[in-house]
Amino acid sequence: MSRMRRHEGRNKEIQLAQNVLLAAVAGGTAADFETPLAAISDLTALYPSGQKGAAPNNNVKLRTLNIVAAAVVTGSNTHNCTININQWRAGVNIATLCSYALTQGNNLAQNTPLQLVPSGNVTLQRGDVITVQRVSNDATGLATPQMLIQAEWAAI
């Protein structure tokens, strides 16, 4: 979420990000997972009588996602996996916001951010949960190193 700082001008934003560090995993479907990245909180919680402060509503916009691998990952057409960023609302997966398939030609360089932009104008509401999912293409899949996943958003 973004905080507004009035002394820097009207609605000047400070970008806020949420990070999750994923452990290295062996290839194969047994290594697949889905883990929470962020939960959108109630922006009115600390304000009296439902006021929202400088934010006009409780919604936030997801701007970018970064994937940073601790080691080189070379995609393959034979054994590969896909990293999905999903949006959950009320316990239901309502959308895959973006994904990156580690197939032939799609690689991750060591300690180099890969920036993904969500498809469309993604608005997150109070109570939404963003998750990171790893899905293998087959029983052997692709081993992946430790990875940092970062989501950046701002109040709208």
Foldseek 3Di string as FASTA:
>chain_A
DWDADPVVPQRDTDKDKFKDKAAWFFFFQVRWDKFFGDAQAAQQVPPPPRDNPSFPHSKKWWFKKKKAAQAKFAAAQVAWKKKWKFKDAPRRTDDGQDMAIRYHPGMHHHRDIDMDGGPDTDMDGHGMIIMIIIGIPHGRHGTGHIMMMMIIMGGD
